[in-house]
C-alpha atoms as a PDB file:
ATOM      1  CA  MET A   1      -6.619  -1.070  -4.204  1.00  0.00           C
ATOM      2  CA  LYS A   2      -7.327  -3.091  -1.109  1.00  0.00           C
ATOM      3  CA  VAL A   3      -4.912  -3.223   1.839  1.00  0.00           C
ATOM      4  CA  LYS A   4      -5.405  -5.772   4.597  1.00  0.00           C
ATOM      5  CA  VAL A   5      -3.334  -6.193   7.763  1.00  0.00           C
ATOM      6  CA  GLY A   6      -3.159  -8.935  10.337  1.00  0.00           C
ATOM      7  CA  PRO A   7      -0.840 -10.529  12.875  1.00  0.00           C
ATOM      8  CA  ALA A   8       2.433 -11.856  11.447  1.00  0.00           C
ATOM      9  CA  LYS A   9       3.387 -14.417  14.103  1.00  0.00           C
ATOM     10  CA  ARG A  10       0.053 -15.972  14.991  1.00  0.00           C
ATOM     11  CA  GLU A  11      -3.461 -16.534  13.724  1.00  0.00           C
ATOM     12  CA  GLY A  12      -5.707 -13.549  14.227  1.00  0.00           C
ATOM     13  CA  LYS A  13      -8.169 -11.125  12.795  1.00  0.00           C
ATOM     14  CA  VAL A  14      -7.386  -9.620   9.403  1.00  0.00           C
ATOM     15  CA  THR A  15      -8.574  -6.041   9.008  1.00  0.00           C
ATOM     16  CA  THR A  16      -9.093  -4.113   5.770  1.00  0.00           C
ATOM     17  CA  ILE A  17      -7.576  -0.675   6.323  1.00  0.00           C
ATOM     18  CA  PHE A  18      -7.980   0.665   2.772  1.00  0.00           C
ATOM     19  CA  ASP A  19     -10.465  -0.250   0.036  1.00  0.00           C
ATOM     20  CA  ASP A  20     -10.734   2.425  -2.634  1.00  0.00           C
ATOM     21  CA  SER A  21      -9.393   3.307  -6.051  1.00  0.00           C
ATOM     22  CA  LEU A  22      -6.161   5.281  -6.106  1.00  0.00           C
ATOM     23  CA  GLN A  23      -6.321   8.904  -7.194  1.00  0.00           C
ATOM     24  CA  SER A  24      -3.678  10.392  -9.490  1.00  0.00           C
ATOM     25  CA  ALA A  25      -2.378  12.580  -6.641  1.00  0.00           C
ATOM     26  CA  GLU A  26      -1.521   9.436  -4.685  1.00  0.00           C
ATOM     27  CA  VAL A  27       0.755   7.977  -7.395  1.00  0.00           C
ATOM     28  CA  SER A  28       3.989   9.644  -8.488  1.00  0.00           C
ATOM     29  CA  VAL A  29       7.242   8.817 -10.274  1.00  0.00           C
ATOM     30  CA  VAL A  30      10.357   9.679  -8.298  1.00  0.00           C
ATOM     31  CA  GLY A  31      14.062   9.205  -8.868  1.00  0.00           C
ATOM     32  CA  GLU A  32      15.096   6.818 -11.627  1.00  0.00           C
ATOM     33  CA  GLY A  33      11.676   5.495 -12.560  1.00  0.00           C
ATOM     34  CA  GLU A  34      10.651   4.542  -9.041  1.00  0.00           C
ATOM     35  CA  VAL A  35       6.888   4.631  -8.480  1.00  0.00           C
ATOM     36  CA  ARG A  36       5.565   5.917  -5.167  1.00  0.00           C
ATOM     37  CA  ILE A  37       2.056   5.172  -3.916  1.00  0.00           C
ATOM     38  CA  SER A  38       1.010   7.200  -0.907  1.00  0.00           C
ATOM     39  CA  PHE A  39      -2.374   6.997   0.800  1.00  0.00           C
ATOM     40  CA  ARG A  40      -4.129   7.620   4.115  1.00  0.00           C
ATOM     41  CA  ALA A  41      -5.816   4.729   5.867  1.00  0.00           C
ATOM     42  CA  GLY A  42      -6.893   3.602   9.288  1.00  0.00           C
ATOM     43  CA  GLY A  43      -4.946   1.444  11.678  1.00  0.00           C
ATOM     44  CA  MET A  44      -5.350  -2.221  12.457  1.00  0.00           C
ATOM     45  CA  TYR A  45      -7.109  -1.786  15.778  1.00  0.00           C
ATOM     46  CA  ASP A  46      -8.514   1.729  15.707  1.00  0.00           C
ATOM     47  CA  GLN A  47     -10.299   3.048  12.608  1.00  0.00           C
ATOM     48  CA  LYS A  48     -10.603   6.470  14.262  1.00  0.00           C
ATOM     49  CA  SER A  49      -6.860   6.937  13.768  1.00  0.00           C
ATOM     50  CA  ALA A  50      -5.408   7.830  10.376  1.00  0.00           C
ATOM     51  CA  TYR A  51      -1.949   6.944   9.119  1.00  0.00           C
ATOM     52  CA  GLN A  52      -0.024   7.918   6.017  1.00  0.00           C
ATOM     53  CA  TYR A  53       1.290   4.854   4.160  1.00  0.00           C
ATOM     54  CA  THR A  54       3.937   5.109   1.436  1.00  0.00           C
ATOM     55  CA  LEU A  55       5.061   2.291  -0.862  1.00  0.00           C
ATOM     56  CA  ASN A  56       8.051   2.737  -3.197  1.00  0.00           C
ATOM     57  CA  PHE A  57       8.557   0.332  -6.101  1.00  0.00           C
ATOM     58  CA  SER A  58      11.683   0.133  -8.257  1.00  0.00           C
ATOM     59  CA  ARG A  59      11.412  -0.763 -11.941  1.00  0.00           C
ATOM     60  CA  SER A  60      12.359  -4.376 -11.244  1.00  0.00           C
ATOM     61  CA  GLU A  61       9.786  -4.619  -8.452  1.00  0.00           C
ATOM     62  CA  LEU A  62       7.086  -3.231 -10.749  1.00  0.00           C
ATOM     63  CA  SER A  63       8.060  -5.770 -13.392  1.00  0.00           C
ATOM     64  CA  ALA A  64       7.749  -8.557 -10.843  1.00  0.00           C
ATOM     65  CA  LEU A  65       4.278  -7.323  -9.868  1.00  0.00           C
ATOM     66  CA  VAL A  66       2.988  -7.414 -13.444  1.00  0.00           C
ATOM     67  CA  GLY A  67       4.846 -10.623 -14.320  1.00  0.00           C
ATOM     68  CA  VAL A  68       7.216  -9.106 -16.870  1.00  0.00           C
ATOM     69  CA  SER A  69      10.890 -10.054 -16.770  1.00  0.00           C
END
């Protein structure tokens, strides 16, 4: 998985903060079929810092990602 961040309101530098394969410990099913992806990555301006990022996807959001309706 690759995660890139950049400015939202203007042109600017895009920075890759995560570029690695996900490990099974970083993916879990919670609630009613919701999938949670949680990983540690650097920040946009300072790679010495580490942040915990968590993404939660509902079933319908997962279907939209894979193109299934």
